[in-house]
PDB file of N, CA and C in Angstrom:
ATOM      1  N   MET A   1     -16.299 -38.039 140.343  1.00  0.00           N
ATOM      2  CA  MET A   1     -17.745 -38.132 140.300  1.00  0.00           C
ATOM      3  C   MET A   1     -18.245 -38.260 141.735  1.00  0.00           C
ATOM      4  N   THR A   2     -18.952 -37.274 142.218  1.00  0.00           N
ATOM      5  CA  THR A   2     -19.545 -37.339 143.546  1.00  0.00           C
ATOM      6  C   THR A   2     -21.055 -37.386 143.391  1.00  0.00           C
ATOM      7  N   ASN A   3     -21.613 -38.526 143.729  1.00  0.00           N
ATOM      8  CA  ASN A   3     -23.041 -38.724 143.573  1.00  0.00           C
ATOM      9  C   ASN A   3     -23.636 -39.253 144.868  1.00  0.00           C
ATOM     10  N   THR A   4     -24.925 -39.004 145.066  1.00  0.00           N
ATOM     11  CA  THR A   4     -25.624 -39.634 146.166  1.00  0.00           C
ATOM     12  C   THR A   4     -26.062 -41.017 145.713  1.00  0.00           C
ATOM     13  N   LYS A   5     -26.459 -41.827 146.658  1.00  0.00           N
ATOM     14  CA  LYS A   5     -26.906 -43.180 146.341  1.00  0.00           C
ATOM     15  C   LYS A   5     -28.328 -43.130 145.796  1.00  0.00           C
ATOM     16  N   LEU A   6     -28.570 -43.900 144.753  1.00  0.00           N
ATOM     17  CA  LEU A   6     -29.902 -43.987 144.161  1.00  0.00           C
ATOM     18  C   LEU A   6     -30.715 -44.997 144.963  1.00  0.00           C
ATOM     19  N   ILE A   7     -31.796 -44.518 145.604  1.00  0.00           N
ATOM     20  CA  ILE A   7     -32.654 -45.387 146.400  1.00  0.00           C
ATOM     21  C   ILE A   7     -34.066 -45.309 145.824  1.00  0.00           C
ATOM     22  N   LEU A   8     -34.576 -46.471 145.397  1.00  0.00           N
ATOM     23  CA  LEU A   8     -35.868 -46.553 144.717  1.00  0.00           C
ATOM     24  C   LEU A   8     -36.820 -47.492 145.433  1.00  0.00           C
ATOM     25  N   THR A   9     -38.106 -47.228 145.275  1.00  0.00           N
ATOM     26  CA  THR A   9     -39.166 -48.098 145.767  1.00  0.00           C
ATOM     27  C   THR A   9     -40.089 -48.398 144.594  1.00  0.00           C
ATOM     28  N   PRO A  10     -40.548 -49.670 144.454  1.00  0.00           N
ATOM     29  CA  PRO A  10     -41.510 -49.959 143.386  1.00  0.00           C
ATOM     30  C   PRO A  10     -42.744 -49.062 143.521  1.00  0.00           C
ATOM     31  N   SER A  11     -43.243 -48.600 142.360  1.00  0.00           N
ATOM     32  CA  SER A  11     -44.394 -47.696 142.345  1.00  0.00           C
ATOM     33  C   SER A  11     -45.291 -48.055 141.167  1.00  0.00           C
ATOM     34  N   GLY A  12     -46.089 -49.064 141.343  1.00  0.00           N
ATOM     35  CA  GLY A  12     -46.957 -49.501 140.255  1.00  0.00           C
ATOM     36  C   GLY A  12     -46.228 -50.449 139.321  1.00  0.00           C
ATOM     37  N   PHE A  13     -46.878 -50.777 138.241  1.00  0.00           N
ATOM     38  CA  PHE A  13     -46.331 -51.724 137.268  1.00  0.00           C
ATOM     39  C   PHE A  13     -45.174 -51.097 136.486  1.00  0.00           C
ATOM     40  N   LYS A  14     -43.982 -51.683 136.594  1.00  0.00           N
ATOM     41  CA  LYS A  14     -42.785 -51.265 135.865  1.00  0.00           C
ATOM     42  C   LYS A  14     -42.294 -49.855 136.186  1.00  0.00           C
ATOM     43  N   HIS A  15     -42.680 -49.299 137.309  1.00  0.00           N
ATOM     44  CA  HIS A  15     -42.215 -47.963 137.674  1.00  0.00           C
ATOM     45  C   HIS A  15     -41.596 -47.982 139.058  1.00  0.00           C
ATOM     46  N   TRP A  16     -40.727 -47.012 139.280  1.00  0.00           N
ATOM     47  CA  TRP A  16     -40.007 -46.866 140.534  1.00  0.00           C
ATOM     48  C   TRP A  16     -40.083 -45.409 140.956  1.00  0.00           C
ATOM     49  N   GLU A  17     -40.009 -45.183 142.263  1.00  0.00           N
ATOM     50  CA  GLU A  17     -40.052 -43.825 142.796  1.00  0.00           C
ATOM     51  C   GLU A  17     -38.819 -43.590 143.663  1.00  0.00           C
ATOM     52  N   LEU A  18     -38.203 -42.420 143.510  1.00  0.00           N
ATOM     53  CA  LEU A  18     -37.024 -42.083 144.308  1.00  0.00           C
ATOM     54  C   LEU A  18     -37.425 -41.817 145.754  1.00  0.00           C
ATOM     55  N   ASP A  19     -36.725 -42.466 146.674  1.00  0.00           N
ATOM     56  CA  ASP A  19     -36.984 -42.287 148.101  1.00  0.00           C
ATOM     57  C   ASP A  19     -36.312 -41.038 148.658  1.00  0.00           C
ATOM     58  N   LYS A  20     -35.298 -40.551 147.959  1.00  0.00           N
ATOM     59  CA  LYS A  20     -34.632 -39.315 148.367  1.00  0.00           C
ATOM     60  C   LYS A  20     -34.044 -38.652 147.127  1.00  0.00           C
ATOM     61  N   ASP A  21     -33.662 -37.391 147.255  1.00  0.00           N
ATOM     62  CA  ASP A  21     -33.042 -36.699 146.121  1.00  0.00           C
ATOM     63  C   ASP A  21     -31.827 -37.489 145.639  1.00  0.00           C
ATOM     64  N   PHE A  22     -31.650 -37.513 144.328  1.00  0.00           N
ATOM     65  CA  PHE A  22     -30.489 -38.165 143.731  1.00  0.00           C
ATOM     66  C   PHE A  22     -29.669 -37.086 143.031  1.00  0.00           C
ATOM     67  N   GLU A  23     -28.444 -36.875 143.513  1.00  0.00           N
ATOM     68  CA  GLU A  23     -27.568 -35.853 142.949  1.00  0.00           C
ATOM     69  C   GLU A  23     -26.440 -36.522 142.175  1.00  0.00           C
ATOM     70  N   VAL A  24     -26.150 -35.971 141.010  1.00  0.00           N
ATOM     71  CA  VAL A  24     -25.083 -36.518 140.183  1.00  0.00           C
ATOM     72  C   VAL A  24     -24.303 -35.378 139.537  1.00  0.00           C
ATOM     73  N   ASP A  25     -22.985 -35.523 139.513  1.00  0.00           N
ATOM     74  CA  ASP A  25     -22.119 -34.585 138.801  1.00  0.00           C
ATOM     75  C   ASP A  25     -21.807 -35.187 137.440  1.00  0.00           C
ATOM     76  N   VAL A  26     -22.108 -34.455 136.401  1.00  0.00           N
ATOM     77  CA  VAL A  26     -21.839 -34.916 135.040  1.00  0.00           C
ATOM     78  C   VAL A  26     -20.495 -34.352 134.608  1.00  0.00           C
ATOM     79  N   LEU A  27     -19.566 -35.231 134.364  1.00  0.00           N
ATOM     80  CA  LEU A  27     -18.215 -34.873 133.939  1.00  0.00           C
ATOM     81  C   LEU A  27     -17.546 -33.911 134.920  1.00  0.00           C
ATOM     82  N   GLY A  28     -17.971 -33.960 136.180  1.00  0.00           N
ATOM     83  CA  GLY A  28     -17.322 -33.171 137.219  1.00  0.00           C
ATOM     84  C   GLY A  28     -17.671 -31.696 137.270  1.00  0.00           C
ATOM     85  N   PHE A  29     -18.549 -31.222 136.403  1.00  0.00           N
ATOM     86  CA  PHE A  29     -18.839 -29.785 136.435  1.00  0.00           C
ATOM     87  C   PHE A  29     -20.325 -29.432 136.305  1.00  0.00           C
ATOM     88  N   HIS A  30     -21.156 -30.367 135.983  1.00  0.00           N
ATOM     89  CA  HIS A  30     -22.586 -30.089 135.768  1.00  0.00           C
ATOM     90  C   HIS A  30     -23.378 -30.921 136.773  1.00  0.00           C
ATOM     91  N   LYS A  31     -23.961 -30.281 137.784  1.00  0.00           N
ATOM     92  CA  LYS A  31     -24.696 -30.990 138.822  1.00  0.00           C
ATOM     93  C   LYS A  31     -26.180 -31.058 138.470  1.00  0.00           C
ATOM     94  N   ILE A  32     -26.733 -32.267 138.579  1.00  0.00           N
ATOM     95  CA  ILE A  32     -28.156 -32.483 138.339  1.00  0.00           C
ATOM     96  C   ILE A  32     -28.740 -33.101 139.605  1.00  0.00           C
ATOM     97  N   VAL A  33     -29.884 -32.578 140.042  1.00  0.00           N
ATOM     98  CA  VAL A  33     -30.573 -33.124 141.215  1.00  0.00           C
ATOM     99  C   VAL A  33     -31.946 -33.631 140.766  1.00  0.00           C
ATOM    100  N   VAL A  34     -32.143 -34.937 140.881  1.00  0.00           N
ATOM    101  CA  VAL A  34     -33.447 -35.533 140.590  1.00  0.00           C
ATOM    102  C   VAL A  34     -34.171 -35.613 141.938  1.00  0.00           C
ATOM    103  N   PRO A  35     -35.336 -34.983 142.061  1.00  0.00           N
ATOM    104  CA  PRO A  35     -35.982 -34.868 143.370  1.00  0.00           C
ATOM    105  C   PRO A  35     -36.638 -36.151 143.871  1.00  0.00           C
ATOM    106  N   ARG A  36     -36.673 -36.240 145.184  1.00  0.00           N
ATOM    107  CA  ARG A  36     -37.392 -37.319 145.862  1.00  0.00           C
ATOM    108  C   ARG A  36     -38.822 -37.352 145.322  1.00  0.00           C
ATOM    109  N   GLY A  37     -39.353 -38.558 145.097  1.00  0.00           N
ATOM    110  CA  GLY A  37     -40.713 -38.706 144.597  1.00  0.00           C
ATOM    111  C   GLY A  37     -40.800 -38.829 143.086  1.00  0.00           C
ATOM    112  N   PHE A  38     -39.689 -38.553 142.379  1.00  0.00           N
ATOM    113  CA  PHE A  38     -39.699 -38.674 140.916  1.00  0.00           C
ATOM    114  C   PHE A  38     -39.946 -40.131 140.525  1.00  0.00           C
ATOM    115  N   ARG A  39     -40.823 -40.362 139.538  1.00  0.00           N
ATOM    116  CA  ARG A  39     -41.128 -41.717 139.049  1.00  0.00           C
ATOM    117  C   ARG A  39     -40.405 -41.978 137.743  1.00  0.00           C
ATOM    118  N   THR A  40     -39.876 -43.194 137.618  1.00  0.00           N
ATOM    119  CA  THR A  40     -39.127 -43.594 136.439  1.00  0.00           C
ATOM    120  C   THR A  40     -39.437 -45.049 136.101  1.00  0.00           C
ATOM    121  N   ASP A  41     -39.204 -45.412 134.845  1.00  0.00           N
ATOM    122  CA  ASP A  41     -39.298 -46.823 134.470  1.00  0.00           C
ATOM    123  C   ASP A  41     -37.902 -47.408 134.240  1.00  0.00           C
ATOM    124  N   LEU A  42     -36.881 -46.660 134.687  1.00  0.00           N
ATOM    125  CA  LEU A  42     -35.470 -47.017 134.474  1.00  0.00           C
ATOM    126  C   LEU A  42     -35.215 -47.029 132.972  1.00  0.00           C
ATOM    127  N   ALA A  43     -34.535 -48.034 132.446  1.00  0.00           N
ATOM    128  CA  ALA A  43     -34.234 -48.052 131.005  1.00  0.00           C
ATOM    129  C   ALA A  43     -35.446 -48.592 130.246  1.00  0.00           C
ATOM    130  N   SER A  44     -35.922 -47.828 129.289  1.00  0.00           N
ATOM    131  CA  SER A  44     -37.102 -48.210 128.501  1.00  0.00           C
ATOM    132  C   SER A  44     -36.677 -49.096 127.337  1.00  0.00           C
ATOM    133  N   VAL A  45     -36.369 -50.334 127.656  1.00  0.00           N
ATOM    134  CA  VAL A  45     -35.882 -51.283 126.652  1.00  0.00           C
ATOM    135  C   VAL A  45     -37.020 -52.231 126.290  1.00  0.00           C
ATOM    136  N   PRO A  46     -37.307 -52.395 124.991  1.00  0.00           N
ATOM    137  CA  PRO A  46     -38.341 -53.362 124.605  1.00  0.00           C
ATOM    138  C   PRO A  46     -37.993 -54.763 125.138  1.00  0.00           C
ATOM    139  N   ARG A  47     -39.009 -55.449 125.634  1.00  0.00           N
ATOM    140  CA  ARG A  47     -38.822 -56.755 126.286  1.00  0.00           C
ATOM    141  C   ARG A  47     -38.009 -57.737 125.444  1.00  0.00           C
ATOM    142  N   ILE A  48     -38.151 -57.727 124.153  1.00  0.00           N
ATOM    143  CA  ILE A  48     -37.425 -58.660 123.288  1.00  0.00           C
ATOM    144  C   ILE A  48     -35.895 -58.520 123.438  1.00  0.00           C
ATOM    145  N   PHE A  49     -35.418 -57.340 123.858  1.00  0.00           N
ATOM    146  CA  PHE A  49     -33.980 -57.096 123.998  1.00  0.00           C
ATOM    147  C   PHE A  49     -33.465 -57.257 125.432  1.00  0.00           C
ATOM    148  N   TRP A  50     -34.342 -57.652 126.379  1.00  0.00           N
ATOM    149  CA  TRP A  50     -33.939 -57.752 127.772  1.00  0.00           C
ATOM    150  C   TRP A  50     -32.804 -58.745 128.005  1.00  0.00           C
ATOM    151  N   VAL A  51     -32.622 -59.704 127.121  1.00  0.00           N
ATOM    152  CA  VAL A  51     -31.508 -60.658 127.274  1.00  0.00           C
ATOM    153  C   VAL A  51     -30.174 -59.911 127.217  1.00  0.00           C
ATOM    154  N   LEU A  52     -30.059 -58.945 126.326  1.00  0.00           N
ATOM    155  CA  LEU A  52     -28.833 -58.146 126.195  1.00  0.00           C
ATOM    156  C   LEU A  52     -28.818 -56.931 127.113  1.00  0.00           C
ATOM    157  N   ILE A  53     -29.966 -56.272 127.216  1.00  0.00           N
ATOM    158  CA  ILE A  53     -30.055 -55.026 127.990  1.00  0.00           C
ATOM    159  C   ILE A  53     -31.349 -55.035 128.800  1.00  0.00           C
ATOM    160  N   PRO A  54     -31.286 -55.524 130.044  1.00  0.00           N
ATOM    161  CA  PRO A  54     -32.493 -55.486 130.882  1.00  0.00           C
ATOM    162  C   PRO A  54     -32.827 -54.055 131.294  1.00  0.00           C
ATOM    163  N   PRO A  55     -34.009 -53.814 131.864  1.00  0.00           N
ATOM    164  CA  PRO A  55     -34.405 -52.450 132.210  1.00  0.00           C
ATOM    165  C   PRO A  55     -33.572 -51.817 133.323  1.00  0.00           C
ATOM    166  N   PHE A  56     -32.751 -52.594 133.996  1.00  0.00           N
ATOM    167  CA  PHE A  56     -31.907 -52.047 135.062  1.00  0.00           C
ATOM    168  C   PHE A  56     -30.528 -52.689 134.990  1.00  0.00           C
ATOM    169  N   GLY A  57     -29.553 -51.970 135.490  1.00  0.00           N
ATOM    170  CA  GLY A  57     -28.171 -52.440 135.473  1.00  0.00           C
ATOM    171  C   GLY A  57     -27.259 -51.298 135.883  1.00  0.00           C
ATOM    172  N   ARG A  58     -25.998 -51.363 135.487  1.00  0.00           N
ATOM    173  CA  ARG A  58     -25.055 -50.285 135.811  1.00  0.00           C
ATOM    174  C   ARG A  58     -25.510 -48.938 135.268  1.00  0.00           C
ATOM    175  N   TYR A  59     -26.403 -48.959 134.332  1.00  0.00           N
ATOM    176  CA  TYR A  59     -26.884 -47.744 133.673  1.00  0.00           C
ATOM    177  C   TYR A  59     -28.142 -47.178 134.334  1.00  0.00           C
ATOM    178  N   SER A  60     -28.606 -47.782 135.429  1.00  0.00           N
ATOM    179  CA  SER A  60     -29.856 -47.327 136.059  1.00  0.00           C
ATOM    180  C   SER A  60     -29.803 -45.863 136.475  1.00  0.00           C
ATOM    181  N   GLN A  61     -28.690 -45.442 137.088  1.00  0.00           N
ATOM    182  CA  GLN A  61     -28.579 -44.041 137.512  1.00  0.00           C
ATOM    183  C   GLN A  61     -28.664 -43.114 136.307  1.00  0.00           C
ATOM    184  N   ALA A  62     -27.975 -43.486 135.227  1.00  0.00           N
ATOM    185  CA  ALA A  62     -28.003 -42.680 134.008  1.00  0.00           C
ATOM    186  C   ALA A  62     -29.416 -42.630 133.430  1.00  0.00           C
ATOM    187  N   ALA A  63     -30.136 -43.751 133.505  1.00  0.00           N
ATOM    188  CA  ALA A  63     -31.505 -43.802 132.988  1.00  0.00           C
ATOM    189  C   ALA A  63     -32.433 -42.895 133.786  1.00  0.00           C
ATOM    190  N   VAL A  64     -32.255 -42.855 135.109  1.00  0.00           N
ATOM    191  CA  VAL A  64     -33.084 -41.988 135.950  1.00  0.00           C
ATOM    192  C   VAL A  64     -32.843 -40.527 135.589  1.00  0.00           C
ATOM    193  N   VAL A  65     -31.584 -40.144 135.456  1.00  0.00           N
ATOM    194  CA  VAL A  65     -31.255 -38.760 135.088  1.00  0.00           C
ATOM    195  C   VAL A  65     -31.825 -38.445 133.712  1.00  0.00           C
ATOM    196  N   HIS A  66     -31.690 -39.361 132.775  1.00  0.00           N
ATOM    197  CA  HIS A  66     -32.204 -39.171 131.415  1.00  0.00           C
ATOM    198  C   HIS A  66     -33.723 -38.972 131.434  1.00  0.00           C
ATOM    199  N   ASP A  67     -34.437 -39.841 132.166  1.00  0.00           N
ATOM    200  CA  ASP A  67     -35.893 -39.684 132.277  1.00  0.00           C
ATOM    201  C   ASP A  67     -36.247 -38.316 132.852  1.00  0.00           C
ATOM    202  N   TYR A  68     -35.520 -37.916 133.881  1.00  0.00           N
ATOM    203  CA  TYR A  68     -35.784 -36.623 134.524  1.00  0.00           C
ATOM    204  C   TYR A  68     -35.558 -35.466 133.542  1.00  0.00           C
ATOM    205  N   LEU A  69     -34.446 -35.502 132.818  1.00  0.00           N
ATOM    206  CA  LEU A  69     -34.158 -34.426 131.866  1.00  0.00           C
ATOM    207  C   LEU A  69     -35.230 -34.350 130.779  1.00  0.00           C
ATOM    208  N   TYR A  70     -35.676 -35.500 130.287  1.00  0.00           N
ATOM    209  CA  TYR A  70     -36.748 -35.507 129.288  1.00  0.00           C
ATOM    210  C   TYR A  70     -38.029 -34.909 129.871  1.00  0.00           C
ATOM    211  N   ARG A  71     -38.378 -35.330 131.092  1.00  0.00           N
ATOM    212  CA  ARG A  71     -39.604 -34.854 131.718  1.00  0.00           C
ATOM    213  C   ARG A  71     -39.553 -33.354 131.961  1.00  0.00           C
ATOM    214  N   MET A  72     -38.362 -32.823 132.217  1.00  0.00           N
ATOM    215  CA  MET A  72     -38.216 -31.387 132.453  1.00  0.00           C
ATOM    216  C   MET A  72     -38.041 -30.615 131.141  1.00  0.00           C
ATOM    217  N   GLU A  73     -38.252 -31.320 130.026  1.00  0.00           N
ATOM    218  CA  GLU A  73     -38.167 -30.738 128.686  1.00  0.00           C
ATOM    219  C   GLU A  73     -36.796 -30.134 128.404  1.00  0.00           C
ATOM    220  N   HIS A  74     -35.773 -30.788 128.916  1.00  0.00           N
ATOM    221  CA  HIS A  74     -34.385 -30.407 128.640  1.00  0.00           C
ATOM    222  C   HIS A  74     -34.105 -30.684 127.162  1.00  0.00           C
ATOM    223  N   ASP A  75     -33.144 -30.014 126.592  1.00  0.00           N
ATOM    224  CA  ASP A  75     -32.755 -30.265 125.200  1.00  0.00           C
ATOM    225  C   ASP A  75     -32.485 -31.752 125.007  1.00  0.00           C
ATOM    226  N   ARG A  76     -33.200 -32.371 124.085  1.00  0.00           N
ATOM    227  CA  ARG A  76     -33.135 -33.816 123.894  1.00  0.00           C
ATOM    228  C   ARG A  76     -31.731 -34.305 123.540  1.00  0.00           C
ATOM    229  N   LYS A  77     -31.070 -33.627 122.636  1.00  0.00           N
ATOM    230  CA  LYS A  77     -29.730 -34.053 122.221  1.00  0.00           C
ATOM    231  C   LYS A  77     -28.752 -33.994 123.400  1.00  0.00           C
ATOM    232  N   GLU A  78     -28.839 -32.924 124.194  1.00  0.00           N
ATOM    233  CA  GLU A  78     -27.953 -32.804 125.355  1.00  0.00           C
ATOM    234  C   GLU A  78     -28.288 -33.860 126.407  1.00  0.00           C
ATOM    235  N   ALA A  79     -29.596 -34.133 126.627  1.00  0.00           N
ATOM    236  CA  ALA A  79     -30.006 -35.159 127.585  1.00  0.00           C
ATOM    237  C   ALA A  79     -29.468 -36.526 127.166  1.00  0.00           C
ATOM    238  N   ASP A  80     -29.533 -36.828 125.877  1.00  0.00           N
ATOM    239  CA  ASP A  80     -29.015 -38.097 125.371  1.00  0.00           C
ATOM    240  C   ASP A  80     -27.504 -38.189 125.550  1.00  0.00           C
ATOM    241  N   SER A  81     -26.819 -37.079 125.329  1.00  0.00           N
ATOM    242  CA  SER A  81     -25.367 -37.028 125.507  1.00  0.00           C
ATOM    243  C   SER A  81     -24.985 -37.234 126.976  1.00  0.00           C
ATOM    244  N   ILE A  82     -25.732 -36.608 127.885  1.00  0.00           N
ATOM    245  CA  ILE A  82     -25.494 -36.787 129.316  1.00  0.00           C
ATOM    246  C   ILE A  82     -25.730 -38.241 129.700  1.00  0.00           C
ATOM    247  N   PHE A  83     -26.763 -38.849 129.161  1.00  0.00           N
ATOM    248  CA  PHE A  83     -27.057 -40.268 129.384  1.00  0.00           C
ATOM    249  C   PHE A  83     -25.848 -41.123 129.009  1.00  0.00           C
ATOM    250  N   TYR A  84     -25.297 -40.884 127.835  1.00  0.00           N
ATOM    251  CA  TYR A  84     -24.126 -41.640 127.382  1.00  0.00           C
ATOM    252  C   TYR A  84     -22.928 -41.400 128.312  1.00  0.00           C
ATOM    253  N   ASP A  85     -22.643 -40.142 128.616  1.00  0.00           N
ATOM    254  CA  ASP A  85     -21.499 -39.812 129.477  1.00  0.00           C
ATOM    255  C   ASP A  85     -21.617 -40.480 130.840  1.00  0.00           C
ATOM    256  N   LEU A  86     -22.819 -40.450 131.419  1.00  0.00           N
ATOM    257  CA  LEU A  86     -23.018 -41.075 132.727  1.00  0.00           C
ATOM    258  C   LEU A  86     -22.848 -42.586 132.652  1.00  0.00           C
ATOM    259  N   MET A  87     -23.336 -43.200 131.591  1.00  0.00           N
ATOM    260  CA  MET A  87     -23.149 -44.652 131.454  1.00  0.00           C
ATOM    261  C   MET A  87     -21.669 -45.003 131.451  1.00  0.00           C
ATOM    262  N   ILE A  88     -20.879 -44.254 130.716  1.00  0.00           N
ATOM    263  CA  ILE A  88     -19.436 -44.506 130.672  1.00  0.00           C
ATOM    264  C   ILE A  88     -18.830 -44.299 132.064  1.00  0.00           C
ATOM    265  N   GLU A  89     -19.226 -43.217 132.750  1.00  0.00           N
ATOM    266  CA  GLU A  89     -18.717 -42.957 134.106  1.00  0.00           C
ATOM    267  C   GLU A  89     -19.079 -44.077 135.069  1.00  0.00           C
ATOM    268  N   TYR A  90     -20.251 -44.676 134.904  1.00  0.00           N
ATOM    269  CA  TYR A  90     -20.691 -45.752 135.792  1.00  0.00           C
ATOM    270  C   TYR A  90     -20.139 -47.123 135.380  1.00  0.00           C
ATOM    271  N   GLY A  91     -19.317 -47.157 134.358  1.00  0.00           N
ATOM    272  CA  GLY A  91     -18.655 -48.405 133.991  1.00  0.00           C
ATOM    273  C   GLY A  91     -19.426 -49.319 133.054  1.00  0.00           C
ATOM    274  N   VAL A  92     -20.423 -48.768 132.365  1.00  0.00           N
ATOM    275  CA  VAL A  92     -21.143 -49.566 131.370  1.00  0.00           C
ATOM    276  C   VAL A  92     -20.194 -49.831 130.203  1.00  0.00           C
ATOM    277  N   TRP A  93     -20.187 -51.064 129.721  1.00  0.00           N
ATOM    278  CA  TRP A  93     -19.331 -51.383 128.569  1.00  0.00           C
ATOM    279  C   TRP A  93     -19.655 -50.436 127.429  1.00  0.00           C
ATOM    280  N   LYS A  94     -18.615 -50.012 126.741  1.00  0.00           N
ATOM    281  CA  LYS A  94     -18.781 -49.001 125.691  1.00  0.00           C
ATOM    282  C   LYS A  94     -19.757 -49.454 124.601  1.00  0.00           C
ATOM    283  N   TRP A  95     -19.683 -50.720 124.170  1.00  0.00           N
ATOM    284  CA  TRP A  95     -20.584 -51.197 123.112  1.00  0.00           C
ATOM    285  C   TRP A  95     -22.042 -51.093 123.559  1.00  0.00           C
ATOM    286  N   LYS A  96     -22.298 -51.387 124.850  1.00  0.00           N
ATOM    287  CA  LYS A  96     -23.662 -51.315 125.365  1.00  0.00           C
ATOM    288  C   LYS A  96     -24.108 -49.857 125.481  1.00  0.00           C
ATOM    289  N   ALA A  97     -23.215 -48.986 125.937  1.00  0.00           N
ATOM    290  CA  ALA A  97     -23.532 -47.562 126.056  1.00  0.00           C
ATOM    291  C   ALA A  97     -23.847 -46.970 124.679  1.00  0.00           C
ATOM    292  N   ILE A  98     -23.104 -47.363 123.679  1.00  0.00           N
ATOM    293  CA  ILE A  98     -23.339 -46.862 122.316  1.00  0.00           C
ATOM    294  C   ILE A  98     -24.705 -47.325 121.812  1.00  0.00           C
ATOM    295  N   ILE A  99     -25.026 -48.610 122.016  1.00  0.00           N
ATOM    296  CA  ILE A  99     -26.322 -49.140 121.571  1.00  0.00           C
ATOM    297  C   ILE A  99     -27.467 -48.406 122.268  1.00  0.00           C
ATOM    298  N   MET A 100     -27.324 -48.195 123.577  1.00  0.00           N
ATOM    299  CA  MET A 100     -28.391 -47.517 124.320  1.00  0.00           C
ATOM    300  C   MET A 100     -28.495 -46.056 123.905  1.00  0.00           C
ATOM    301  N   TYR A 101     -27.353 -45.412 123.684  1.00  0.00           N
ATOM    302  CA  TYR A 101     -27.360 -44.034 123.218  1.00  0.00           C
ATOM    303  C   TYR A 101     -28.061 -43.924 121.857  1.00  0.00           C
ATOM    304  N   LEU A 102     -27.709 -44.804 120.946  1.00  0.00           N
ATOM    305  CA  LEU A 102     -28.336 -44.787 119.616  1.00  0.00           C
ATOM    306  C   LEU A 102     -29.832 -45.060 119.717  1.00  0.00           C
ATOM    307  N   GLY A 103     -30.218 -45.912 120.666  1.00  0.00           N
ATOM    308  CA  GLY A 103     -31.643 -46.202 120.878  1.00  0.00           C
ATOM    309  C   GLY A 103     -32.411 -44.971 121.319  1.00  0.00           C
ATOM    310  N   VAL A 104     -31.850 -44.219 122.270  1.00  0.00           N
ATOM    311  CA  VAL A 104     -32.571 -43.010 122.719  1.00  0.00           C
ATOM    312  C   VAL A 104     -32.524 -41.921 121.657  1.00  0.00           C
ATOM    313  N   ARG A 105     -31.458 -41.856 120.880  1.00  0.00           N
ATOM    314  CA  ARG A 105     -31.407 -40.853 119.796  1.00  0.00           C
ATOM    315  C   ARG A 105     -32.493 -41.158 118.764  1.00  0.00           C
ATOM    316  N   ALA A 106     -32.688 -42.447 118.473  1.00  0.00           N
ATOM    317  CA  ALA A 106     -33.659 -42.824 117.442  1.00  0.00           C
ATOM    318  C   ALA A 106     -35.098 -42.859 117.954  1.00  0.00           C
ATOM    319  N   PHE A 107     -35.278 -43.349 119.192  1.00  0.00           N
ATOM    320  CA  PHE A 107     -36.642 -43.602 119.682  1.00  0.00           C
ATOM    321  C   PHE A 107     -36.997 -42.864 120.964  1.00  0.00           C
ATOM    322  N   GLY A 108     -36.037 -42.107 121.553  1.00  0.00           N
ATOM    323  CA  GLY A 108     -36.245 -41.436 122.846  1.00  0.00           C
ATOM    324  C   GLY A 108     -37.446 -40.596 122.856  1.00  0.00           C
TER     325      GLY A 108
END
């Protein structure tokens, strides 16, 4: 996995903006570039669940890519699958990755 570093700046209430392009290789063969200036809310987790899954964590990079794919009207099922794959690559515990994946499949 060869990725650039994710660098964000706060941009309004609950939003962040990329300070530079963020490049990520998905499973070593699919390159995605999220452009500088892209705005994200990171993981869109309802506040009641923040004890288990806060809006940021090891999955932040995956959440940024997921938000970008949704905004670019990428196939939703594939975007959700990429989100899950990236979470696993970034070392998110499998149970947490599954819960987050199921959340975006149901409510994304």
